[in-house]
Amino acid sequence: MPDAPEDVVARWCSLCGGEIYAGESYYEPEGRAVCRDCLPAFARSYFIGDLRVAMPPRFAP
C-alpha cells in the first residue's frame, strides 16, 4: 500500500534539513526550499547587510 500523500517527503529545508511533506507550504527564495519554521532565521541572514541602528538626527550648532 503506498504512503498517503501527506506522508511523502517532497523537499528538505535548506536551513534545518527538515522534511517538507507533499501538500505542505514552504518558501522558495532564490531556488532554496525554506520551511515555515526557518523563515525568520532566513530573513535575518538575508537582510543582515541592510541592518541599521536608528540614531537621532544631528542638529547643526
N, C-alpha and C. Protein backbone atom coordinates (compact mmCIF):
# COMPACT_ATOMS: atom_id res chain seq x y z
N MET A 1 0.85 -1.18 0.00
CA MET A 1 0.00 0.00 0.00
C MET A 1 0.88 1.23 0.00
N PRO A 2 0.73 2.16 -0.95
CA PRO A 2 1.58 3.36 -0.99
C PRO A 2 1.30 4.29 0.17
N ASP A 3 2.29 5.11 0.48
CA ASP A 3 2.13 6.10 1.55
C ASP A 3 1.05 7.10 1.17
N ALA A 4 0.36 7.61 2.18
CA ALA A 4 -0.60 8.69 1.94
C ALA A 4 0.19 9.90 1.47
N PRO A 5 -0.40 10.75 0.59
CA PRO A 5 0.34 11.89 0.04
C PRO A 5 0.96 12.78 1.12
N GLU A 6 0.29 12.97 2.26
CA GLU A 6 0.84 13.84 3.28
C GLU A 6 2.04 13.22 4.00
N ASP A 7 2.30 11.94 3.77
CA ASP A 7 3.45 11.27 4.38
C ASP A 7 4.66 11.24 3.45
N VAL A 8 4.51 11.74 2.24
CA VAL A 8 5.58 11.71 1.25
C VAL A 8 6.44 12.97 1.40
N VAL A 9 7.74 12.76 1.59
CA VAL A 9 8.66 13.90 1.68
C VAL A 9 8.88 14.42 0.27
N ALA A 10 8.51 15.68 0.05
CA ALA A 10 8.64 16.29 -1.27
C ALA A 10 9.92 17.11 -1.39
N ARG A 11 10.35 17.73 -0.30
CA ARG A 11 11.54 18.59 -0.29
C ARG A 11 12.16 18.50 1.10
N TRP A 12 13.37 19.04 1.22
CA TRP A 12 14.02 19.20 2.50
C TRP A 12 14.39 20.67 2.66
N CYS A 13 14.23 21.19 3.85
CA CYS A 13 14.57 22.59 4.12
C CYS A 13 16.08 22.77 3.98
N SER A 14 16.49 23.81 3.27
CA SER A 14 17.91 24.05 3.04
C SER A 14 18.60 24.62 4.28
N LEU A 15 17.83 25.03 5.29
CA LEU A 15 18.44 25.55 6.52
C LEU A 15 18.54 24.47 7.60
N CYS A 16 17.41 23.86 7.96
CA CYS A 16 17.42 22.90 9.06
C CYS A 16 17.53 21.45 8.60
N GLY A 17 17.31 21.21 7.31
CA GLY A 17 17.35 19.84 6.79
C GLY A 17 16.09 19.04 7.07
N GLY A 18 15.08 19.70 7.64
CA GLY A 18 13.84 19.02 7.96
C GLY A 18 13.02 18.69 6.73
N GLU A 19 12.13 17.75 6.92
CA GLU A 19 11.28 17.31 5.82
C GLU A 19 10.17 18.33 5.54
N ILE A 20 9.87 18.49 4.26
CA ILE A 20 8.71 19.26 3.82
C ILE A 20 7.86 18.25 3.06
N TYR A 21 6.68 17.98 3.61
CA TYR A 21 5.84 16.92 3.08
C TYR A 21 4.96 17.41 1.94
N ALA A 22 4.56 16.49 1.09
CA ALA A 22 3.65 16.79 -0.01
C ALA A 22 2.41 17.47 0.55
N GLY A 23 2.02 18.58 -0.07
CA GLY A 23 0.86 19.33 0.36
C GLY A 23 1.16 20.39 1.40
N GLU A 24 2.37 20.40 1.95
CA GLU A 24 2.76 21.38 2.96
C GLU A 24 3.35 22.61 2.27
N SER A 25 3.04 23.80 2.78
CA SER A 25 3.56 25.01 2.18
C SER A 25 4.98 25.29 2.68
N TYR A 26 5.79 25.92 1.83
CA TYR A 26 7.15 26.32 2.16
C TYR A 26 7.50 27.51 1.30
N TYR A 27 8.63 28.14 1.58
CA TYR A 27 9.10 29.29 0.80
C TYR A 27 10.23 28.84 -0.09
N GLU A 28 10.39 29.52 -1.24
CA GLU A 28 11.45 29.14 -2.17
C GLU A 28 12.20 30.38 -2.65
N PRO A 29 12.88 31.10 -1.75
CA PRO A 29 13.67 32.25 -2.18
C PRO A 29 14.95 31.78 -2.86
N GLU A 30 15.23 32.37 -3.99
CA GLU A 30 16.46 32.07 -4.74
C GLU A 30 16.63 30.57 -5.01
N GLY A 31 15.50 29.88 -5.20
CA GLY A 31 15.55 28.47 -5.55
C GLY A 31 15.83 27.53 -4.39
N ARG A 32 15.89 28.05 -3.17
CA ARG A 32 16.16 27.22 -1.99
C ARG A 32 14.85 26.95 -1.26
N ALA A 33 14.63 25.73 -0.83
CA ALA A 33 13.45 25.40 -0.04
C ALA A 33 13.69 25.83 1.41
N VAL A 34 12.76 26.60 1.95
CA VAL A 34 12.85 27.06 3.34
C VAL A 34 11.52 26.75 4.01
N CYS A 35 11.56 25.95 5.08
CA CYS A 35 10.32 25.61 5.78
C CYS A 35 9.79 26.83 6.52
N ARG A 36 8.53 26.75 6.89
CA ARG A 36 7.89 27.89 7.55
C ARG A 36 8.57 28.23 8.87
N ASP A 37 9.05 27.24 9.59
CA ASP A 37 9.72 27.50 10.87
C ASP A 37 11.04 28.23 10.70
N CYS A 38 11.72 28.02 9.59
CA CYS A 38 13.04 28.62 9.36
C CYS A 38 12.99 29.99 8.69
N LEU A 39 11.81 30.42 8.26
CA LEU A 39 11.73 31.69 7.54
C LEU A 39 12.30 32.87 8.33
N PRO A 40 12.00 33.04 9.63
CA PRO A 40 12.58 34.18 10.35
C PRO A 40 14.12 34.17 10.34
N ALA A 41 14.73 33.02 10.53
CA ALA A 41 16.20 32.94 10.51
C ALA A 41 16.73 33.25 9.12
N PHE A 42 16.06 32.74 8.09
CA PHE A 42 16.48 33.03 6.73
C PHE A 42 16.40 34.53 6.45
N ALA A 43 15.28 35.15 6.85
CA ALA A 43 15.10 36.59 6.61
C ALA A 43 16.19 37.39 7.32
N ARG A 44 16.52 37.03 8.57
CA ARG A 44 17.58 37.75 9.28
C ARG A 44 18.91 37.63 8.54
N SER A 45 19.25 36.44 8.09
CA SER A 45 20.52 36.27 7.39
C SER A 45 20.51 36.95 6.03
N TYR A 46 19.37 36.94 5.35
CA TYR A 46 19.26 37.54 4.02
C TYR A 46 19.41 39.06 4.09
N PHE A 47 18.83 39.67 5.12
CA PHE A 47 18.83 41.13 5.24
C PHE A 47 19.90 41.67 6.17
N ILE A 48 20.82 40.85 6.66
CA ILE A 48 21.80 41.30 7.64
C ILE A 48 22.63 42.48 7.10
N GLY A 49 22.90 42.53 5.83
CA GLY A 49 23.66 43.63 5.24
C GLY A 49 22.89 44.95 5.22
N ASP A 50 21.59 44.88 5.41
CA ASP A 50 20.75 46.08 5.41
C ASP A 50 20.40 46.53 6.83
N LEU A 51 20.93 45.86 7.83
CA LEU A 51 20.63 46.20 9.22
C LEU A 51 21.24 47.54 9.59
N ARG A 52 20.46 48.40 10.18
CA ARG A 52 20.92 49.72 10.59
C ARG A 52 20.50 49.97 12.04
N VAL A 53 21.13 50.95 12.67
CA VAL A 53 20.76 51.37 14.02
C VAL A 53 20.22 52.79 13.90
N ALA A 54 19.01 53.00 14.41
CA ALA A 54 18.39 54.32 14.34
C ALA A 54 19.10 55.26 15.32
N MET A 55 19.45 56.43 14.82
CA MET A 55 20.10 57.43 15.63
C MET A 55 19.30 58.72 15.52
N PRO A 56 19.32 59.53 16.57
CA PRO A 56 18.61 60.80 16.49
C PRO A 56 19.27 61.69 15.43
N PRO A 57 18.50 62.55 14.79
CA PRO A 57 19.08 63.43 13.77
C PRO A 57 20.10 64.38 14.40
N ARG A 58 21.10 64.73 13.60
CA ARG A 58 22.11 65.67 14.06
C ARG A 58 21.65 67.09 13.76
N PHE A 59 21.84 67.94 14.71
CA PHE A 59 21.47 69.34 14.52
C PHE A 59 22.73 70.17 14.34
N ALA A 60 22.68 71.10 13.41
CA ALA A 60 23.84 71.99 13.20
C ALA A 60 23.96 72.93 14.40
N PRO A 61 25.17 73.17 14.88
CA PRO A 61 25.36 74.06 16.02
C PRO A 61 25.04 75.50 15.70
